[in-house]
Protein backbone atom coordinates (compact mmCIF):
# COMPACT_ATOMS: atom_id res chain seq x y z
CA MET A 1 91.48 -159.85 27.25
CA LYS A 2 95.17 -160.15 26.47
CA THR A 3 96.44 -163.68 26.90
CA ARG A 4 99.91 -164.42 28.21
CA MET A 5 102.24 -167.32 27.73
CA LEU A 6 102.26 -170.14 30.24
CA SER A 7 104.99 -170.07 32.85
CA PRO A 8 107.38 -173.02 32.97
CA PHE A 9 105.71 -174.18 36.20
CA GLU A 10 102.24 -173.99 34.64
CA LYS A 11 103.50 -176.12 31.74
CA THR A 12 105.01 -178.59 34.19
CA CYS A 13 101.78 -178.89 36.17
CA LEU A 14 99.76 -179.45 33.00
CA ARG A 15 102.25 -182.09 31.87
CA TRP A 16 101.86 -183.94 35.21
CA VAL A 17 98.06 -183.80 34.83
CA SER A 18 98.38 -185.19 31.29
CA LEU A 19 100.29 -188.13 32.77
CA GLY A 20 97.43 -188.87 35.15
CA ARG A 21 98.93 -187.45 38.34
CA THR A 22 96.60 -186.14 41.05
CA LEU A 23 96.98 -182.69 42.60
CA ALA A 24 98.39 -184.29 45.75
CA GLU A 25 100.95 -186.26 43.73
CA ILE A 26 101.99 -183.18 41.76
CA ALA A 27 102.38 -181.20 44.99
CA LEU A 28 104.57 -183.93 46.46
CA LEU A 29 106.67 -184.23 43.32
CA GLU A 30 107.16 -180.46 43.03
CA GLY A 31 107.60 -179.72 46.74
CA LYS A 32 104.55 -177.45 46.81
CA SER A 33 101.19 -177.44 48.56
CA VAL A 34 98.03 -178.71 46.90
CA GLY A 35 96.71 -175.14 47.06
CA GLU A 36 99.72 -173.87 45.12
CA ILE A 37 99.15 -176.49 42.42
CA GLU A 38 95.44 -175.61 42.21
CA HIS A 39 96.32 -171.91 41.89
CA CYS A 40 98.89 -172.66 39.20
CA LEU A 41 96.41 -174.67 37.16
CA LYS A 42 93.74 -171.96 37.51
CA ARG A 43 96.23 -169.39 36.19
CA ALA A 44 96.95 -171.70 33.26
CA LEU A 45 93.24 -171.92 32.43
CA VAL A 46 92.96 -168.13 32.39
CA SER A 47 96.11 -167.78 30.31
CA LEU A 48 94.84 -170.27 27.74
CA ASP A 49 91.29 -168.80 27.80
CA VAL A 50 89.71 -172.19 28.51
CA THR A 51 87.31 -173.45 31.16
CA SER A 52 88.62 -176.95 31.90
CA ILE A 53 91.85 -178.83 32.35
CA TRP A 54 90.91 -181.08 29.43
CA GLU A 55 90.54 -178.05 27.15
CA ALA A 56 93.90 -176.78 28.39
CA LEU A 57 95.55 -180.10 27.60
CA ASP A 58 94.00 -180.14 24.15
CA LYS A 59 95.02 -176.53 23.47
CA THR A 60 98.62 -177.15 24.53
CA GLY A 61 98.87 -180.40 22.59
CA LEU A 62 99.47 -182.52 25.69
CA SER A 63 97.93 -185.95 25.42
CA ARG A 64 95.91 -187.40 28.24
CA SER A 65 97.06 -190.69 29.68
CA GLY A 66 94.61 -193.52 29.22
């Protein structure tokens, strides 16, 4: 499978997750629906060839908030 680069919005959503934001908070902040945020994050997982958000954060070098 050929991987693709993350879109700017996918990077933004992953960054919000790394800061501890919930899907609902990200949707509110970005003016999108929760479904759109879920879809964006699923696309990011496929693009990065990982199975979890935590793996995606590790692979992109984004730190998780404590």
